[in-house]
C-alpha atoms as a PDB file:
ATOM      1  CA  UNK A   1     -17.857 -17.673 -11.029  1.00  0.00           C
ATOM      2  CA  UNK A   2     -21.435 -18.539 -10.256  1.00  0.00           C
ATOM      3  CA  UNK A   3     -24.255 -18.187 -12.771  1.00  0.00           C
ATOM      4  CA  UNK A   4     -25.989 -14.812 -12.411  1.00  0.00           C
ATOM      5  CA  UNK A   5     -29.006 -13.004 -13.658  1.00  0.00           C
ATOM      6  CA  UNK A   6     -26.756 -10.689 -15.675  1.00  0.00           C
ATOM      7  CA  UNK A   7     -26.664  -7.048 -14.663  1.00  0.00           C
ATOM      8  CA  UNK A   8     -26.582  -4.421 -17.406  1.00  0.00           C
ATOM      9  CA  UNK A   9     -23.459  -2.443 -16.541  1.00  0.00           C
ATOM     10  CA  UNK A  10     -24.034  -0.301 -19.640  1.00  0.00           C
ATOM     11  CA  UNK A  11     -26.510   1.699 -17.541  1.00  0.00           C
ATOM     12  CA  UNK A  12     -23.975   2.972 -15.002  1.00  0.00           C
ATOM     13  CA  UNK A  13     -21.506   5.283 -16.858  1.00  0.00           C
ATOM     14  CA  UNK A  14     -23.905   8.205 -17.514  1.00  0.00           C
ATOM     15  CA  UNK A  15     -25.251   8.699 -13.966  1.00  0.00           C
ATOM     16  CA  UNK A  16     -21.906   7.857 -12.384  1.00  0.00           C
ATOM     17  CA  UNK A  17     -19.935  10.338 -14.508  1.00  0.00           C
ATOM     18  CA  UNK A  18     -22.473  13.067 -13.805  1.00  0.00           C
ATOM     19  CA  UNK A  19     -22.216  12.409 -10.068  1.00  0.00           C
ATOM     20  CA  UNK A  20     -18.406  12.265 -10.157  1.00  0.00           C
ATOM     21  CA  UNK A  21     -18.013  15.584 -11.939  1.00  0.00           C
ATOM     22  CA  UNK A  22     -20.149  17.257  -9.295  1.00  0.00           C
ATOM     23  CA  UNK A  23     -18.723  15.512  -6.224  1.00  0.00           C
ATOM     24  CA  UNK A  24     -15.114  14.447  -6.854  1.00  0.00           C
ATOM     25  CA  UNK A  25     -12.469  15.209  -4.273  1.00  0.00           C
ATOM     26  CA  UNK A  26      -9.487  17.409  -5.027  1.00  0.00           C
ATOM     27  CA  UNK A  27      -6.516  15.050  -4.776  1.00  0.00           C
ATOM     28  CA  UNK A  28      -2.908  15.903  -5.673  1.00  0.00           C
ATOM     29  CA  UNK A  29      -2.447  13.005  -8.104  1.00  0.00           C
ATOM     30  CA  UNK A  30      -5.481  14.116 -10.085  1.00  0.00           C
ATOM     31  CA  UNK A  31      -3.664  17.314 -10.998  1.00  0.00           C
ATOM     32  CA  UNK A  32      -1.613  16.802 -14.164  1.00  0.00           C
ATOM     33  CA  UNK A  33      -2.211  13.023 -14.315  1.00  0.00           C
ATOM     34  CA  UNK A  34       0.915  11.978 -16.192  1.00  0.00           C
ATOM     35  CA  UNK A  35       1.697   8.245 -16.298  1.00  0.00           C
ATOM     36  CA  UNK A  36       4.485   8.739 -13.733  1.00  0.00           C
ATOM     37  CA  UNK A  37       2.299  10.647 -11.277  1.00  0.00           C
ATOM     38  CA  UNK A  38      -0.589   8.202 -11.638  1.00  0.00           C
ATOM     39  CA  UNK A  39       1.724   5.216 -11.226  1.00  0.00           C
ATOM     40  CA  UNK A  40       3.383   6.499  -8.043  1.00  0.00           C
ATOM     41  CA  UNK A  41       0.036   7.412  -6.494  1.00  0.00           C
ATOM     42  CA  UNK A  42      -1.506   4.032  -7.258  1.00  0.00           C
ATOM     43  CA  UNK A  43       1.433   2.150  -5.756  1.00  0.00           C
ATOM     44  CA  UNK A  44       1.324   4.338  -2.633  1.00  0.00           C
ATOM     45  CA  UNK A  45      -2.427   3.892  -2.262  1.00  0.00           C
ATOM     46  CA  UNK A  46      -2.173   0.103  -2.122  1.00  0.00           C
ATOM     47  CA  UNK A  47      -2.944  -0.962   1.457  1.00  0.00           C
ATOM     48  CA  UNK A  48      -2.904   2.697   2.569  1.00  0.00           C
ATOM     49  CA  UNK A  49      -5.603   5.304   3.242  1.00  0.00           C
ATOM     50  CA  UNK A  50      -5.914   8.323   0.921  1.00  0.00           C
ATOM     51  CA  UNK A  51      -5.432  10.855   3.716  1.00  0.00           C
ATOM     52  CA  UNK A  52      -2.259   9.127   4.873  1.00  0.00           C
ATOM     53  CA  UNK A  53      -0.793   9.158   1.348  1.00  0.00           C
ATOM     54  CA  UNK A  54      -1.231  12.864   0.525  1.00  0.00           C
ATOM     55  CA  UNK A  55       1.794  14.141   2.449  1.00  0.00           C
ATOM     56  CA  UNK A  56       4.021  11.270   1.330  1.00  0.00           C
ATOM     57  CA  UNK A  57       3.014  11.810  -2.280  1.00  0.00           C
ATOM     58  CA  UNK A  58       3.745  15.549  -2.199  1.00  0.00           C
ATOM     59  CA  UNK A  59       7.172  14.970  -0.657  1.00  0.00           C
ATOM     60  CA  UNK A  60       7.989  12.142  -3.081  1.00  0.00           C
ATOM     61  CA  UNK A  61       7.120  14.314  -6.075  1.00  0.00           C
ATOM     62  CA  UNK A  62       9.239  17.192  -4.764  1.00  0.00           C
ATOM     63  CA  UNK A  63      12.258  14.931  -4.318  1.00  0.00           C
ATOM     64  CA  UNK A  64      11.757  12.602  -7.305  1.00  0.00           C
ATOM     65  CA  UNK A  65       9.665  14.465  -9.897  1.00  0.00           C
ATOM     66  CA  UNK A  66      10.549  12.229 -12.863  1.00  0.00           C
ATOM     67  CA  UNK A  67      11.067   8.570 -13.640  1.00  0.00           C
ATOM     68  CA  UNK A  68      14.749   9.350 -14.297  1.00  0.00           C
ATOM     69  CA  UNK A  69      15.132  10.857 -10.816  1.00  0.00           C
ATOM     70  CA  UNK A  70      13.546   7.777  -9.256  1.00  0.00           C
ATOM     71  CA  UNK A  71      15.775   5.438 -11.241  1.00  0.00           C
ATOM     72  CA  UNK A  72      18.906   7.284 -10.090  1.00  0.00           C
ATOM     73  CA  UNK A  73      17.888   7.718  -6.438  1.00  0.00           C
ATOM     74  CA  UNK A  74      20.035   6.113  -3.738  1.00  0.00           C
ATOM     75  CA  UNK A  75      18.122   3.281  -2.086  1.00  0.00           C
ATOM     76  CA  UNK A  76      18.502   4.682   1.428  1.00  0.00           C
ATOM     77  CA  UNK A  77      16.986   7.998   0.347  1.00  0.00           C
ATOM     78  CA  UNK A  78      14.145   6.188  -1.426  1.00  0.00           C
ATOM     79  CA  UNK A  79      13.364   4.090   1.644  1.00  0.00           C
ATOM     80  CA  UNK A  80      13.501   7.195   3.854  1.00  0.00           C
ATOM     81  CA  UNK A  81      10.949   8.883   1.577  1.00  0.00           C
ATOM     82  CA  UNK A  82       8.786   5.756   1.927  1.00  0.00           C
ATOM     83  CA  UNK A  83       9.295   5.427   5.691  1.00  0.00           C
ATOM     84  CA  UNK A  84       5.972   4.939   7.460  1.00  0.00           C
ATOM     85  CA  UNK A  85       4.038   3.726   4.400  1.00  0.00           C
ATOM     86  CA  UNK A  86       4.999   0.102   4.992  1.00  0.00           C
ATOM     87  CA  UNK A  87       5.157  -2.740   2.461  1.00  0.00           C
ATOM     88  CA  UNK A  88       8.630  -1.588   1.440  1.00  0.00           C
ATOM     89  CA  UNK A  89       8.820  -4.000  -1.473  1.00  0.00           C
ATOM     90  CA  UNK A  90       6.521  -1.509  -3.217  1.00  0.00           C
ATOM     91  CA  UNK A  91       9.240   1.146  -3.102  1.00  0.00           C
ATOM     92  CA  UNK A  92      11.911  -1.256  -4.321  1.00  0.00           C
ATOM     93  CA  UNK A  93       9.697  -2.394  -7.191  1.00  0.00           C
ATOM     94  CA  UNK A  94       9.040   1.240  -8.104  1.00  0.00           C
ATOM     95  CA  UNK A  95      12.749   1.762  -8.548  1.00  0.00           C
ATOM     96  CA  UNK A  96      13.236  -1.502 -10.453  1.00  0.00           C
ATOM     97  CA  UNK A  97      10.464  -0.459 -12.830  1.00  0.00           C
ATOM     98  CA  UNK A  98      11.886   3.054 -13.152  1.00  0.00           C
ATOM     99  CA  UNK A  99      15.282   1.676 -14.160  1.00  0.00           C
ATOM    100  CA  UNK A 100      13.591  -0.560 -16.730  1.00  0.00           C
ATOM    101  CA  UNK A 101      11.569   2.366 -18.084  1.00  0.00           C
ATOM    102  CA  UNK A 102      14.758   4.401 -18.491  1.00  0.00           C
ATOM    103  CA  UNK A 103      16.851   1.636 -20.032  1.00  0.00           C
ATOM    104  CA  UNK A 104      14.226   0.056 -22.318  1.00  0.00           C
ATOM    105  CA  UNK A 105      11.657   2.788 -22.974  1.00  0.00           C
ATOM    106  CA  UNK A 106      13.818   5.919 -22.802  1.00  0.00           C
ATOM    107  CA  UNK A 107      12.025   7.143 -19.687  1.00  0.00           C
ATOM    108  CA  UNK A 108       8.588   6.996 -21.329  1.00  0.00           C
ATOM    109  CA  UNK A 109       5.723   4.771 -20.217  1.00  0.00           C
ATOM    110  CA  UNK A 110       4.276   2.289 -22.699  1.00  0.00           C
ATOM    111  CA  UNK A 111       0.550   2.784 -23.185  1.00  0.00           C
ATOM    112  CA  UNK A 112      -0.459  -0.806 -23.920  1.00  0.00           C
ATOM    113  CA  UNK A 113      -1.718  -2.874 -21.028  1.00  0.00           C
ATOM    114  CA  UNK A 114       0.569  -5.894 -21.475  1.00  0.00           C
ATOM    115  CA  UNK A 115       3.736  -3.786 -21.517  1.00  0.00           C
ATOM    116  CA  UNK A 116       2.570  -1.978 -18.402  1.00  0.00           C
ATOM    117  CA  UNK A 117       1.913  -5.297 -16.660  1.00  0.00           C
ATOM    118  CA  UNK A 118       5.463  -6.410 -17.461  1.00  0.00           C
ATOM    119  CA  UNK A 119       6.880  -3.701 -15.163  1.00  0.00           C
ATOM    120  CA  UNK A 120       7.987  -4.897 -11.691  1.00  0.00           C
ATOM    121  CA  UNK A 121       5.248  -4.418  -9.121  1.00  0.00           C
ATOM    122  CA  UNK A 122       2.583  -3.555 -11.703  1.00  0.00           C
ATOM    123  CA  UNK A 123      -0.380  -5.922 -11.788  1.00  0.00           C
ATOM    124  CA  UNK A 124      -3.590  -5.749 -13.770  1.00  0.00           C
ATOM    125  CA  UNK A 125      -5.154  -3.181 -11.432  1.00  0.00           C
ATOM    126  CA  UNK A 126      -2.258  -0.700 -11.539  1.00  0.00           C
ATOM    127  CA  UNK A 127      -1.813  -1.212 -15.273  1.00  0.00           C
ATOM    128  CA  UNK A 128      -5.508  -0.524 -15.800  1.00  0.00           C
ATOM    129  CA  UNK A 129      -5.329   2.639 -13.698  1.00  0.00           C
ATOM    130  CA  UNK A 130      -2.351   3.990 -15.659  1.00  0.00           C
ATOM    131  CA  UNK A 131      -3.846   3.036 -19.030  1.00  0.00           C
ATOM    132  CA  UNK A 132      -7.253   4.587 -18.345  1.00  0.00           C
ATOM    133  CA  UNK A 133      -6.336   7.621 -16.209  1.00  0.00           C
ATOM    134  CA  UNK A 134      -3.082   8.687 -17.881  1.00  0.00           C
ATOM    135  CA  UNK A 135      -3.691   7.453 -21.441  1.00  0.00           C
ATOM    136  CA  UNK A 136      -7.490   7.567 -21.664  1.00  0.00           C
ATOM    137  CA  UNK A 137      -7.740   3.896 -22.656  1.00  0.00           C
ATOM    138  CA  UNK A 138     -10.886   1.800 -22.286  1.00  0.00           C
ATOM    139  CA  UNK A 139      -9.368  -0.450 -19.636  1.00  0.00           C
ATOM    140  CA  UNK A 140     -10.931  -1.105 -16.236  1.00  0.00           C
ATOM    141  CA  UNK A 141      -8.957  -0.989 -12.997  1.00  0.00           C
ATOM    142  CA  UNK A 142     -10.552  -3.261 -10.408  1.00  0.00           C
ATOM    143  CA  UNK A 143      -9.641  -2.513  -6.790  1.00  0.00           C
ATOM    144  CA  UNK A 144     -11.490  -3.143  -3.528  1.00  0.00           C
ATOM    145  CA  UNK A 145     -13.799  -0.190  -4.091  1.00  0.00           C
ATOM    146  CA  UNK A 146     -14.770  -1.450  -7.540  1.00  0.00           C
ATOM    147  CA  UNK A 147     -15.340  -5.001  -6.284  1.00  0.00           C
ATOM    148  CA  UNK A 148     -17.668  -3.625  -3.614  1.00  0.00           C
ATOM    149  CA  UNK A 149     -19.678  -1.412  -5.961  1.00  0.00           C
ATOM    150  CA  UNK A 150     -20.027  -4.102  -8.622  1.00  0.00           C
ATOM    151  CA  UNK A 151     -20.833  -6.913  -6.195  1.00  0.00           C
ATOM    152  CA  UNK A 152     -23.671  -4.898  -4.665  1.00  0.00           C
ATOM    153  CA  UNK A 153     -25.020  -3.744  -8.011  1.00  0.00           C
ATOM    154  CA  UNK A 154     -25.577  -7.319  -9.198  1.00  0.00           C
ATOM    155  CA  UNK A 155     -25.618  -9.172  -5.853  1.00  0.00           C
ATOM    156  CA  UNK A 156     -22.651 -11.260  -6.942  1.00  0.00           C
ATOM    157  CA  UNK A 157     -21.935 -14.054  -4.405  1.00  0.00           C
ATOM    158  CA  UNK A 158     -18.450 -14.844  -5.750  1.00  0.00           C
ATOM    159  CA  UNK A 159     -15.649 -14.276  -3.184  1.00  0.00           C
ATOM    160  CA  UNK A 160     -13.529 -11.364  -4.379  1.00  0.00           C
ATOM    161  CA  UNK A 161     -10.266 -13.309  -4.189  1.00  0.00           C
ATOM    162  CA  UNK A 162     -11.298 -15.559  -7.086  1.00  0.00           C
ATOM    163  CA  UNK A 163      -9.155 -14.736 -10.159  1.00  0.00           C
ATOM    164  CA  UNK A 164     -12.072 -15.532 -12.476  1.00  0.00           C
ATOM    165  CA  UNK A 165     -14.154 -12.837 -10.758  1.00  0.00           C
ATOM    166  CA  UNK A 166     -11.501 -10.168 -11.327  1.00  0.00           C
ATOM    167  CA  UNK A 167     -11.182 -11.198 -14.966  1.00  0.00           C
ATOM    168  CA  UNK A 168     -14.960 -11.077 -15.383  1.00  0.00           C
ATOM    169  CA  UNK A 169     -15.189  -7.563 -13.919  1.00  0.00           C
ATOM    170  CA  UNK A 170     -12.229  -6.282 -15.922  1.00  0.00           C
ATOM    171  CA  UNK A 171     -13.778  -7.509 -19.167  1.00  0.00           C
ATOM    172  CA  UNK A 172     -17.343  -6.500 -18.305  1.00  0.00           C
ATOM    173  CA  UNK A 173     -16.494  -2.989 -17.131  1.00  0.00           C
ATOM    174  CA  UNK A 174     -13.984  -2.331 -19.930  1.00  0.00           C
ATOM    175  CA  UNK A 175     -16.756  -3.065 -22.419  1.00  0.00           C
ATOM    176  CA  UNK A 176     -18.957  -0.253 -21.042  1.00  0.00           C
ATOM    177  CA  UNK A 177     -16.260   2.440 -20.880  1.00  0.00           C
ATOM    178  CA  UNK A 178     -16.899   5.707 -22.758  1.00  0.00           C
ATOM    179  CA  UNK A 179     -14.939   6.507 -25.883  1.00  0.00           C
ATOM    180  CA  UNK A 180     -11.192   6.885 -25.352  1.00  0.00           C
ATOM    181  CA  UNK A 181     -10.073  10.122 -23.740  1.00  0.00           C
ATOM    182  CA  UNK A 182     -10.801  12.142 -20.614  1.00  0.00           C
ATOM    183  CA  UNK A 183     -14.109  10.373 -19.947  1.00  0.00           C
ATOM    184  CA  UNK A 184     -12.244   7.058 -19.588  1.00  0.00           C
ATOM    185  CA  UNK A 185     -10.057   8.549 -16.885  1.00  0.00           C
ATOM    186  CA  UNK A 186     -13.106   9.990 -15.164  1.00  0.00           C
ATOM    187  CA  UNK A 187     -15.031   6.705 -15.307  1.00  0.00           C
ATOM    188  CA  UNK A 188     -12.197   4.784 -13.647  1.00  0.00           C
ATOM    189  CA  UNK A 189     -11.962   7.410 -10.922  1.00  0.00           C
ATOM    190  CA  UNK A 190     -15.728   7.636 -10.526  1.00  0.00           C
ATOM    191  CA  UNK A 191     -15.852   3.951  -9.593  1.00  0.00           C
ATOM    192  CA  UNK A 192     -13.048   4.477  -7.046  1.00  0.00           C
ATOM    193  CA  UNK A 193     -14.782   7.574  -5.693  1.00  0.00           C
ATOM    194  CA  UNK A 194     -18.185   5.962  -5.343  1.00  0.00           C
ATOM    195  CA  UNK A 195     -16.697   3.114  -3.309  1.00  0.00           C
ATOM    196  CA  UNK A 196     -14.677   5.485  -1.137  1.00  0.00           C
ATOM    197  CA  UNK A 197     -17.354   8.108  -0.426  1.00  0.00           C
ATOM    198  CA  UNK A 198     -20.749   6.422  -0.819  1.00  0.00           C
ATOM    199  CA  UNK A 199     -20.663   2.644  -1.255  1.00  0.00           C
ATOM    200  CA  UNK A 200     -18.553   2.193   1.866  1.00  0.00           C
ATOM    201  CA  UNK A 201     -17.888  -1.176   3.524  1.00  0.00           C
ATOM    202  CA  UNK A 202     -19.918  -0.202   6.574  1.00  0.00           C
ATOM    203  CA  UNK A 203     -23.011   2.051   6.509  1.00  0.00           C
ATOM    204  CA  UNK A 204     -23.173   2.792   2.756  1.00  0.00           C
ATOM    205  CA  UNK A 205     -24.911   6.091   1.964  1.00  0.00           C
ATOM    206  CA  UNK A 206     -27.416   4.560  -0.432  1.00  0.00           C
ATOM    207  CA  UNK A 207     -29.838   7.488  -0.438  1.00  0.00           C
ATOM    208  CA  UNK A 208     -27.148   9.675  -2.020  1.00  0.00           C
ATOM    209  CA  UNK A 209     -25.867   7.067  -4.454  1.00  0.00           C
ATOM    210  CA  UNK A 210     -26.337   7.909  -8.147  1.00  0.00           C
ATOM    211  CA  UNK A 211     -26.848   4.191  -8.840  1.00  0.00           C
ATOM    212  CA  UNK A 212     -29.330   3.421  -6.059  1.00  0.00           C
ATOM    213  CA  UNK A 213     -32.221   2.817  -8.457  1.00  0.00           C
ATOM    214  CA  UNK A 214     -30.110   0.239 -10.331  1.00  0.00           C
ATOM    215  CA  UNK A 215     -28.536  -1.495  -7.350  1.00  0.00           C
ATOM    216  CA  UNK A 216     -30.011  -4.890  -6.528  1.00  0.00           C
ATOM    217  CA  UNK A 217     -28.478  -4.975  -3.043  1.00  0.00           C
ATOM    218  CA  UNK A 218     -30.080  -1.608  -2.278  1.00  0.00           C
ATOM    219  CA  UNK A 219     -33.456  -2.731  -3.625  1.00  0.00           C
ATOM    220  CA  UNK A 220     -33.396  -5.984  -1.626  1.00  0.00           C
ATOM    221  CA  UNK A 221     -31.701  -4.679   1.520  1.00  0.00           C
ATOM    222  CA  UNK A 222     -28.778  -7.084   1.139  1.00  0.00           C
ATOM    223  CA  UNK A 223     -25.973  -4.492   1.146  1.00  0.00           C
ATOM    224  CA  UNK A 224     -24.267  -6.017   4.189  1.00  0.00           C
ATOM    225  CA  UNK A 225     -23.890  -9.358   2.401  1.00  0.00           C
ATOM    226  CA  UNK A 226     -21.743  -8.000  -0.434  1.00  0.00           C
ATOM    227  CA  UNK A 227     -19.021  -8.224  -1.477  1.00  0.00           C
ATOM    228  CA  UNK A 228     -18.313 -11.746  -0.298  1.00  0.00           C
ATOM    229  CA  UNK A 229     -14.887 -11.680   1.331  1.00  0.00           C
ATOM    230  CA  UNK A 230     -12.377 -14.547   1.401  1.00  0.00           C
ATOM    231  CA  UNK A 231     -12.012 -16.485   4.625  1.00  0.00           C
ATOM    232  CA  UNK A 232      -9.669 -14.724   7.018  1.00  0.00           C
ATOM    233  CA  UNK A 233      -6.410 -16.440   7.786  1.00  0.00           C
ATOM    234  CA  UNK A 234      -5.300 -16.471  11.388  1.00  0.00           C
ATOM    235  CA  UNK A 235      -2.243 -14.328  12.153  1.00  0.00           C
ATOM    236  CA  UNK A 236       0.916 -16.049  13.284  1.00  0.00           C
ATOM    237  CA  UNK A 237       2.059 -14.619  16.614  1.00  0.00           C
ATOM    238  CA  UNK A 238       5.739 -13.995  17.280  1.00  0.00           C
ATOM    239  CA  UNK A 239       7.494 -12.658  20.358  1.00  0.00           C
ATOM    240  CA  UNK A 240      10.234 -10.256  19.316  1.00  0.00           C
ATOM    241  CA  UNK A 241      12.972  -8.546  21.282  1.00  0.00           C
ATOM    242  CA  UNK A 242      14.064  -5.184  19.848  1.00  0.00           C
ATOM    243  CA  UNK A 243      17.225  -3.701  21.337  1.00  0.00           C
ATOM    244  CA  UNK A 244      17.912   0.001  21.512  1.00  0.00           C
ATOM    245  CA  UNK A 245      21.648  -0.283  22.146  1.00  0.00           C
ATOM    246  CA  UNK A 246      23.238   3.067  23.027  1.00  0.00           C
ATOM    247  CA  UNK A 247      27.014   3.390  22.793  1.00  0.00           C
ATOM    248  CA  UNK A 248      29.273   6.476  22.913  1.00  0.00           C
ATOM    249  CA  UNK A 249      28.944   6.577  19.082  1.00  0.00           C
ATOM    250  CA  UNK A 250      25.144   6.534  19.074  1.00  0.00           C
ATOM    251  CA  UNK A 251      22.423   3.910  18.642  1.00  0.00           C
ATOM    252  CA  UNK A 252      23.035   0.618  16.859  1.00  0.00           C
ATOM    253  CA  UNK A 253      21.448  -0.126  13.479  1.00  0.00           C
ATOM    254  CA  UNK A 254      21.822  -3.137  11.219  1.00  0.00           C
ATOM    255  CA  UNK A 255      20.206  -4.609   8.095  1.00  0.00           C
ATOM    256  CA  UNK A 256      17.740  -7.457   8.522  1.00  0.00           C
ATOM    257  CA  UNK A 257      19.006 -10.570   6.775  1.00  0.00           C
ATOM    258  CA  UNK A 258      15.892 -12.742   6.834  1.00  0.00           C
ATOM    259  CA  UNK A 259      12.201 -12.936   7.567  1.00  0.00           C
ATOM    260  CA  UNK A 260       9.619 -10.177   7.322  1.00  0.00           C
ATOM    261  CA  UNK A 261      11.193  -6.795   6.404  1.00  0.00           C
ATOM    262  CA  UNK A 262      14.292  -8.540   5.029  1.00  0.00           C
ATOM    263  CA  UNK A 263      16.795  -5.995   3.723  1.00  0.00           C
ATOM    264  CA  UNK A 264      15.427  -3.140   5.851  1.00  0.00           C
ATOM    265  CA  UNK A 265      17.242  -1.292   8.619  1.00  0.00           C
ATOM    266  CA  UNK A 266      16.417  -2.255  12.179  1.00  0.00           C
ATOM    267  CA  UNK A 267      17.440  -1.779  15.752  1.00  0.00           C
ATOM    268  CA  UNK A 268      18.995  -5.220  16.376  1.00  0.00           C
ATOM    269  CA  UNK A 269      16.199  -7.687  17.046  1.00  0.00           C
ATOM    270  CA  UNK A 270      15.591 -11.376  17.580  1.00  0.00           C
ATOM    271  CA  UNK A 271      12.675 -13.773  17.821  1.00  0.00           C
ATOM    272  CA  UNK A 272      12.274 -14.882  21.424  1.00  0.00           C
ATOM    273  CA  UNK A 273      11.277 -18.456  22.079  1.00  0.00           C
ATOM    274  CA  UNK A 274       9.106 -19.322  25.055  1.00  0.00           C
ATOM    275  CA  UNK A 275      10.949 -18.483  28.242  1.00  0.00           C
ATOM    276  CA  UNK A 276      13.873 -16.871  26.402  1.00  0.00           C
ATOM    277  CA  UNK A 277      14.979 -13.529  27.858  1.00  0.00           C
ATOM    278  CA  UNK A 278      16.324 -10.438  26.079  1.00  0.00           C
ATOM    279  CA  UNK A 279      19.439 -10.658  28.279  1.00  0.00           C
ATOM    280  CA  UNK A 280      20.249 -14.065  26.784  1.00  0.00           C
ATOM    281  CA  UNK A 281      20.152 -12.583  23.266  1.00  0.00           C
ATOM    282  CA  UNK A 282      22.510  -9.754  24.246  1.00  0.00           C
ATOM    283  CA  UNK A 283      24.907 -12.264  25.772  1.00  0.00           C
ATOM    284  CA  UNK A 284      24.812 -14.344  22.584  1.00  0.00           C
ATOM    285  CA  UNK A 285      25.807 -11.195  20.680  1.00  0.00           C
ATOM    286  CA  UNK A 286      28.889 -10.969  22.912  1.00  0.00           C
ATOM    287  CA  UNK A 287      27.494  -8.152  25.054  1.00  0.00           C
ATOM    288  CA  UNK A 288      28.083  -9.226  28.623  1.00  0.00           C
ATOM    289  CA  UNK A 289      28.664  -5.683  29.899  1.00  0.00           C
ATOM    290  CA  UNK A 290      25.631  -3.432  29.540  1.00  0.00           C
ATOM    291  CA  UNK A 291      23.295  -1.393  31.695  1.00  0.00           C
ATOM    292  CA  UNK A 292      19.578  -1.608  31.186  1.00  0.00           C
ATOM    293  CA  UNK A 293      17.832   1.766  31.137  1.00  0.00           C
ATOM    294  CA  UNK A 294      14.192   1.014  30.343  1.00  0.00           C
ATOM    295  CA  UNK A 295      11.761  -1.450  28.759  1.00  0.00           C
ATOM    296  CA  UNK A 296       8.625  -0.952  26.713  1.00  0.00           C
ATOM    297  CA  UNK A 297       6.115  -3.424  25.302  1.00  0.00           C
ATOM    298  CA  UNK A 298       3.979  -2.848  22.213  1.00  0.00           C
ATOM    299  CA  UNK A 299       2.290  -4.756  19.404  1.00  0.00           C
ATOM    300  CA  UNK A 300       2.829  -4.398  15.650  1.00  0.00           C
ATOM    301  CA  UNK A 301       0.470  -6.032  13.160  1.00  0.00           C
ATOM    302  CA  UNK A 302       1.534  -7.194   9.707  1.00  0.00           C
ATOM    303  CA  UNK A 303      -0.833  -8.738   7.160  1.00  0.00           C
ATOM    304  CA  UNK A 304      -0.357 -12.294   8.422  1.00  0.00           C
ATOM    305  CA  UNK A 305       1.858 -11.846  11.493  1.00  0.00           C
ATOM    306  CA  UNK A 306       1.430 -10.245  14.911  1.00  0.00           C
ATOM    307  CA  UNK A 307       4.607  -9.153  16.677  1.00  0.00           C
ATOM    308  CA  UNK A 308       4.477  -8.879  20.462  1.00  0.00           C
ATOM    309  CA  UNK A 309       7.500  -6.642  20.921  1.00  0.00           C
ATOM    310  CA  UNK A 310       9.610  -6.054  23.988  1.00  0.00           C
ATOM    311  CA  UNK A 311      11.857  -3.060  23.378  1.00  0.00           C
ATOM    312  CA  UNK A 312      14.898  -2.963  25.674  1.00  0.00           C
ATOM    313  CA  UNK A 313      17.053   0.166  25.950  1.00  0.00           C
ATOM    314  CA  UNK A 314      20.569  -0.590  27.152  1.00  0.00           C
ATOM    315  CA  UNK A 315      23.829   1.340  27.365  1.00  0.00           C
ATOM    316  CA  UNK A 316      27.187  -0.226  26.598  1.00  0.00           C
ATOM    317  CA  UNK A 317      30.715   0.920  25.840  1.00  0.00           C
ATOM    318  CA  UNK A 318      30.841  -1.237  22.724  1.00  0.00           C
ATOM    319  CA  UNK A 319      28.558  -3.379  20.543  1.00  0.00           C
ATOM    320  CA  UNK A 320      29.021  -5.589  17.452  1.00  0.00           C
ATOM    321  CA  UNK A 321      26.916  -3.268  15.267  1.00  0.00           C
ATOM    322  CA  UNK A 322      27.363   0.080  13.560  1.00  0.00           C
ATOM    323  CA  UNK A 323      26.111   3.040  15.586  1.00  0.00           C
ATOM    324  CA  UNK A 324      24.619   6.348  14.451  1.00  0.00           C
ATOM    325  CA  UNK A 325      23.736   9.612  16.115  1.00  0.00           C
ATOM    326  CA  UNK A 326      20.042   9.956  16.928  1.00  0.00           C
ATOM    327  CA  UNK A 327      19.565  12.986  14.670  1.00  0.00           C
ATOM    328  CA  UNK A 328      21.156  11.077  11.756  1.00  0.00           C
ATOM    329  CA  UNK A 329      18.764   8.163  12.324  1.00  0.00           C
ATOM    330  CA  UNK A 330      15.759  10.483  12.372  1.00  0.00           C
ATOM    331  CA  UNK A 331      16.823  12.507   9.323  1.00  0.00           C
ATOM    332  CA  UNK A 332      18.578  10.068   7.003  1.00  0.00           C
ATOM    333  CA  UNK A 333      18.116   6.414   7.947  1.00  0.00           C
ATOM    334  CA  UNK A 334      14.893   4.628   7.049  1.00  0.00           C
ATOM    335  CA  UNK A 335      13.307   2.505   9.748  1.00  0.00           C
ATOM    336  CA  UNK A 336      10.090   0.495   9.417  1.00  0.00           C
ATOM    337  CA  UNK A 337       7.374   1.543  11.853  1.00  0.00           C
ATOM    338  CA  UNK A 338       7.733  -1.733  13.756  1.00  0.00           C
ATOM    339  CA  UNK A 339      11.178  -0.552  14.875  1.00  0.00           C
ATOM    340  CA  UNK A 340      10.739   3.208  14.813  1.00  0.00           C
ATOM    341  CA  UNK A 341       8.090   2.908  17.536  1.00  0.00           C
ATOM    342  CA  UNK A 342      10.877   1.827  19.839  1.00  0.00           C
ATOM    343  CA  UNK A 343      12.226   5.398  19.816  1.00  0.00           C
ATOM    344  CA  UNK A 344       9.269   6.351  21.994  1.00  0.00           C
ATOM    345  CA  UNK A 345      11.103   4.757  24.918  1.00  0.00           C
ATOM    346  CA  UNK A 346      13.571   7.661  24.852  1.00  0.00           C
ATOM    347  CA  UNK A 347      10.897  10.201  25.807  1.00  0.00           C
END
């Protein structure tokens, strides 16, 4: 952390709460904000846009309305409910935490921050969101929106990936929270909302910001300089063959045993070295008799990896993988988007 001309964060709760109460969005997880509902929404919203989460959240709550239901859910059903959201370890950690909540806490959430942080997949941000929104505790939850708002308010030049910066914001903001209760929940959400609706990464709407008279970046015209982001890492590029193998029993599916998406279902795939052909991979799998139907190329981007995918649709009388009917795959078997896109070749 660099030395700063300290900003008085105590001045922001009153105008921000007033603005939030007049302008907040109606979001499904804000209705009846129980610890379970808040927790699931916060995990879903990691790395995912609000609009994309709404439908998933509604379906998840219909199917798994309680922590007990989540703990008892079959993994394949859970992953199917999560299908399309990506970062599937989030779903698995949800279930691990649910089982722990049932076995250790009798299905109830602890309200203290350290116990919340001990749950699988729950870091300081998610714990802060649950503690403040569901329990009305004076605990800050610092996400990307909050980093952006705070960095602009005080023109903080510290890169947001520095652990000391997160700790500083958590402590500084927690100290200015209203008294415990509903206002704590509203203050946490007001910071999220301001970053999402007004203090946006590009083209912030400063004239309509309730904090514009306090914001140093607004006063000095330095909005575009904050927050300071970490240096971007280059993405590793991989060439991947994905095989849509159709047999009389259906299309082949298997579990990935290594690498990105380990443990997830896939259409059989393989990394292709330079000059290596998809036909060679099929032959190595013992499939010398097959008929190629069609090929399709597409790109899938992960956080640190780019897959250049060649999807190959072939027909064969037999294959060394389990096969499923297409309607069963679409209705009951979870497939990450990187592989599900391959189904477009059938159209």
